[in-house]
Amino acid sequence: MQTHFSSELFQFLLELQANNNRAWFADNKARYERDVKEPLLNFIADFEPHLHSISKHFVADTRANGGSMFRIYRDIRFSKDKTPYKTHGAVHFRHEAGKSAHAPGFYLHLGPDEIFAGVGIWRPDTSAVTRIRERIVADAESWHGALKAPGFAEEFELGGESLKRPPRGFDPDHPDIEDLKRKDHIAAVPFTEEEVTAPGFIDSFADACRTASPYAKFLTTAVGLPY
């Protein structure tokens, strides 16, 4: 079985945490290319058959810019934090209709402090989150079925931000009000560095995505996209 990621990936990111500046990165860019960028792009290419066995409507894009891999460079234009680099590697297999991180998708996060597989829709716009809320109300049985799909509740944890008050136009006493208050619809399952660097991790990630597929399908179809 193939091994995609090594301990060198996490070592580079750990050192980047302590040396988040352009001079250090320039001196170590070859390490970034070898230990982080190339393994991520290879993983994306090799994951495509697994992804399409789950849904043909999600994309494994191996472009270094604008593809499934998140760039290492932070957008600091509107941030008080001016450190130039992200200290994690990440991949987002997003829906073919999506152009950004806000599209439905499957996600892999590799950081020295946090490693997880994620699924769902992060920060959907007002129209999309309203559609999801309306679908939860209209088809609660399917929503509960997705949340109770085999293995999902046991392995994944729902996350993201929520409104402090019920959204306007929805019954504050609705039995699923906590889900209706969600601003994000994302779920994650943790992995360890040992698991990620072991042979066959790509199969473990694929299994996690399959476990979360009913949840992903509910959200994707709720916003009017094919699954």
Protein backbone atom coordinates (compact mmCIF):
# COMPACT_ATOMS: atom_id res chain seq x y z
CA MET A 1 0.00 0.00 0.00
CA GLN A 2 1.19 3.48 -0.85
CA THR A 3 2.35 6.04 1.70
CA HIS A 4 1.59 9.64 0.74
CA PHE A 5 2.66 11.65 3.79
CA SER A 6 5.78 11.50 5.94
CA SER A 7 6.90 12.78 9.31
CA GLU A 8 8.96 15.34 7.37
CA LEU A 9 5.72 17.09 6.37
CA PHE A 10 4.80 17.64 10.01
CA GLN A 11 8.36 18.55 10.97
CA PHE A 12 8.44 21.26 8.30
CA LEU A 13 5.12 22.70 9.48
CA LEU A 14 6.24 22.61 13.10
CA GLU A 15 9.38 24.57 12.23
CA LEU A 16 7.32 26.97 10.13
CA GLN A 17 5.22 27.74 13.22
CA ALA A 18 8.37 28.94 14.97
CA ASN A 19 9.80 30.72 11.91
CA ASN A 20 6.82 32.21 10.11
CA ASN A 21 8.70 34.73 8.01
CA ARG A 22 9.66 35.09 4.37
CA ALA A 23 13.41 34.72 4.88
CA TRP A 24 13.10 31.35 6.62
CA PHE A 25 10.57 30.11 4.09
CA ALA A 26 12.80 31.13 1.18
CA ASP A 27 15.69 29.18 2.72
CA ASN A 28 13.45 26.13 3.19
CA LYS A 29 11.23 26.34 0.12
CA ALA A 30 12.75 23.19 -1.38
CA ARG A 31 11.64 21.30 1.73
CA TYR A 32 8.13 22.71 1.35
CA GLU A 33 7.99 21.61 -2.27
CA ARG A 34 9.32 18.11 -1.50
CA ASP A 35 7.67 17.34 1.83
CA VAL A 36 4.35 19.22 1.66
CA LYS A 37 3.31 20.42 -1.78
CA GLU A 38 4.25 17.39 -3.89
CA PRO A 39 2.75 14.83 -1.46
CA LEU A 40 -0.50 16.80 -1.30
CA LEU A 41 -0.76 17.02 -5.10
CA ASN A 42 0.01 13.30 -5.43
CA PHE A 43 -2.67 12.52 -2.83
CA ILE A 44 -5.20 14.59 -4.78
CA ALA A 45 -4.42 12.75 -8.01
CA ASP A 46 -4.59 9.34 -6.38
CA PHE A 47 -7.81 10.13 -4.49
CA GLU A 48 -9.87 10.88 -7.61
CA PRO A 49 -11.11 7.28 -8.13
CA HIS A 50 -12.10 7.05 -4.45
CA LEU A 51 -13.88 10.39 -4.67
CA HIS A 52 -15.82 9.48 -7.77
CA SER A 53 -16.88 6.20 -6.20
CA ILE A 54 -18.71 8.39 -3.66
CA SER A 55 -20.02 11.02 -6.08
CA LYS A 56 -19.13 12.00 -9.64
CA HIS A 57 -19.95 15.63 -8.85
CA PHE A 58 -16.90 16.37 -6.68
CA VAL A 59 -13.55 17.36 -8.13
CA ALA A 60 -9.96 16.28 -7.49
CA ASP A 61 -8.02 19.12 -9.13
CA THR A 62 -4.22 18.78 -9.16
CA ARG A 63 -3.47 22.36 -10.19
CA ALA A 64 -1.04 24.01 -7.76
CA ASN A 65 -3.06 27.24 -7.94
CA GLY A 66 -6.84 27.21 -7.92
CA GLY A 67 -7.11 23.45 -7.50
CA SER A 68 -7.97 21.19 -4.59
CA MET A 69 -4.85 22.09 -2.59
CA PHE A 70 -4.99 25.21 -0.45
CA ARG A 71 -2.05 27.54 -1.00
CA ILE A 72 0.42 27.92 1.86
CA TYR A 73 0.28 31.72 1.57
CA ARG A 74 -2.11 33.53 3.91
CA ASP A 75 -4.34 36.38 2.75
CA ILE A 76 -3.23 39.06 5.19
CA ARG A 77 -4.90 42.06 3.52
CA PHE A 78 -7.66 42.36 6.12
CA SER A 79 -6.07 40.49 9.01
CA LYS A 80 -4.34 41.83 12.10
CA ASP A 81 -2.17 38.71 11.99
CA LYS A 82 0.48 39.51 9.38
CA THR A 83 2.33 36.18 9.47
CA PRO A 84 2.66 35.28 5.79
CA TYR A 85 2.20 31.48 5.84
CA LYS A 86 -0.36 28.94 6.95
CA THR A 87 1.13 26.37 9.30
CA HIS A 88 -0.91 23.45 7.98
CA GLY A 89 -1.45 21.68 4.70
CA ALA A 90 -5.00 21.29 3.43
CA VAL A 91 -7.01 19.79 0.60
CA HIS A 92 -10.63 20.52 -0.34
CA PHE A 93 -12.43 18.23 -2.79
CA ARG A 94 -15.24 20.61 -3.59
CA HIS A 95 -18.40 20.24 -5.64
CA GLU A 96 -18.00 20.85 -9.36
CA ALA A 97 -20.40 23.81 -9.10
CA GLY A 98 -18.34 25.51 -6.38
CA LYS A 99 -15.56 28.01 -6.92
CA SER A 100 -14.36 28.50 -3.36
CA ALA A 101 -13.96 27.00 0.11
CA HIS A 102 -17.65 27.74 0.73
CA ALA A 103 -18.81 25.00 -1.66
CA PRO A 104 -19.93 21.58 -0.40
CA GLY A 105 -16.96 19.28 -0.13
CA PHE A 106 -14.66 16.83 1.58
CA TYR A 107 -11.66 18.27 3.42
CA LEU A 108 -8.32 17.07 4.79
CA HIS A 109 -6.38 19.17 7.31
CA LEU A 110 -2.78 18.29 8.18
CA GLY A 111 -1.23 20.37 10.94
CA PRO A 112 1.34 19.67 13.67
CA ASP A 113 -1.33 20.37 16.29
CA GLU A 114 -4.49 19.22 14.52
CA ILE A 115 -5.22 16.54 11.91
CA PHE A 116 -8.73 15.80 10.73
CA ALA A 117 -11.01 14.89 7.85
CA GLY A 118 -13.94 17.20 7.36
CA VAL A 119 -17.13 17.28 5.33
CA GLY A 120 -19.93 19.73 4.70
CA ILE A 121 -20.38 23.39 3.87
CA TRP A 122 -18.30 26.04 5.62
CA ARG A 123 -19.81 29.52 5.89
CA PRO A 124 -22.57 29.10 3.30
CA ASP A 125 -24.07 32.38 2.10
CA THR A 126 -27.48 33.52 3.34
CA SER A 127 -29.35 31.88 0.48
CA ALA A 128 -27.63 28.53 0.94
CA VAL A 129 -27.95 28.34 4.72
CA THR A 130 -31.63 29.31 4.45
CA ARG A 131 -32.18 26.48 1.97
CA ILE A 132 -30.54 24.04 4.37
CA ARG A 133 -32.72 25.24 7.24
CA GLU A 134 -35.84 24.96 5.13
CA ARG A 135 -34.88 21.44 4.05
CA ILE A 136 -34.30 20.38 7.68
CA VAL A 137 -37.82 21.60 8.55
CA ALA A 138 -39.42 20.08 5.44
CA ASP A 139 -37.66 16.71 5.63
CA ALA A 140 -36.62 16.13 9.22
CA GLU A 141 -36.69 12.36 8.68
CA SER A 142 -33.91 12.54 6.06
CA TRP A 143 -31.91 14.96 8.21
CA HIS A 144 -32.07 12.64 11.21
CA GLY A 145 -31.26 9.70 8.94
CA ALA A 146 -28.10 11.44 7.71
CA LEU A 147 -26.99 12.23 11.26
CA LYS A 148 -27.65 8.64 12.35
CA ALA A 149 -26.06 6.96 9.33
CA PRO A 150 -23.88 3.96 10.30
CA GLY A 151 -20.67 5.16 11.91
CA PHE A 152 -21.30 8.87 11.40
CA ALA A 153 -22.45 9.84 14.88
CA GLU A 154 -19.82 7.58 16.45
CA GLU A 155 -16.89 8.93 14.42
CA PHE A 156 -17.74 12.50 13.42
CA GLU A 157 -18.41 15.57 15.51
CA LEU A 158 -20.52 18.44 14.21
CA GLY A 159 -18.78 21.81 14.46
CA GLY A 160 -18.72 25.40 13.29
CA GLU A 161 -20.43 28.55 14.50
CA SER A 162 -24.09 29.03 15.42
CA LEU A 163 -26.44 31.92 15.89
CA LYS A 164 -27.12 32.93 19.46
CA ARG A 165 -30.82 33.26 18.71
CA PRO A 166 -33.15 31.29 16.43
CA PRO A 167 -33.02 32.46 12.80
CA ARG A 168 -35.78 34.79 11.70
CA GLY A 169 -38.77 32.99 10.23
CA PHE A 170 -38.17 29.70 12.03
CA ASP A 171 -40.04 28.35 15.04
CA PRO A 172 -37.93 28.90 18.20
CA ASP A 173 -39.53 25.76 19.66
CA HIS A 174 -38.70 23.53 16.69
CA PRO A 175 -37.18 20.23 17.92
CA ASP A 176 -34.15 20.77 15.65
CA ILE A 177 -33.66 24.42 16.60
CA GLU A 178 -29.99 23.92 17.50
CA ASP A 179 -29.32 22.64 13.98
CA LEU A 180 -31.40 25.45 12.49
CA LYS A 181 -29.19 27.94 14.35
CA ARG A 182 -26.03 26.64 12.69
CA LYS A 183 -24.10 29.09 10.50
CA ASP A 184 -21.76 26.31 9.35
CA HIS A 185 -22.72 22.75 8.51
CA ILE A 186 -19.49 20.85 8.96
CA ALA A 187 -18.44 17.64 10.64
CA ALA A 188 -14.96 16.31 11.38
CA VAL A 189 -13.19 13.14 12.48
CA PRO A 190 -9.66 13.31 13.96
CA PHE A 191 -6.62 11.38 12.82
CA THR A 192 -3.17 10.98 14.32
CA GLU A 193 0.18 11.62 12.66
CA GLU A 194 0.86 7.89 12.89
CA GLU A 195 -2.34 7.12 11.01
CA VAL A 196 -1.70 9.73 8.32
CA THR A 197 1.88 8.61 7.67
CA ALA A 198 0.99 4.90 7.59
CA PRO A 199 0.60 2.98 4.32
CA GLY A 200 -2.97 3.00 3.07
CA PHE A 201 -4.10 6.23 4.75
CA ILE A 202 -5.82 7.19 1.50
CA ASP A 203 -8.19 4.27 2.06
CA SER A 204 -8.87 5.40 5.63
CA PHE A 205 -9.69 8.90 4.40
CA ALA A 206 -11.94 7.45 1.71
CA ASP A 207 -13.75 5.34 4.32
CA ALA A 208 -14.32 8.47 6.42
CA CYS A 209 -15.75 10.29 3.41
CA ARG A 210 -18.07 7.37 2.66
CA THR A 211 -19.26 7.30 6.26
CA ALA A 212 -20.12 11.00 5.96
CA SER A 213 -21.67 10.67 2.50
CA PRO A 214 -25.34 10.73 3.65
CA TYR A 215 -24.64 13.99 5.56
CA ALA A 216 -22.84 15.45 2.53
CA LYS A 217 -25.68 14.37 0.25
CA PHE A 218 -28.34 16.01 2.41
CA LEU A 219 -26.47 19.33 2.46
CA THR A 220 -25.54 19.24 -1.22
CA THR A 221 -29.05 18.52 -2.45
CA ALA A 222 -30.52 21.00 0.05
CA VAL A 223 -28.68 23.83 -1.71
CA GLY A 224 -29.96 22.63 -5.08
CA LEU A 225 -26.91 20.76 -6.39
CA PRO A 226 -26.72 17.19 -7.71
CA TYR A 227 -25.08 14.45 -5.66
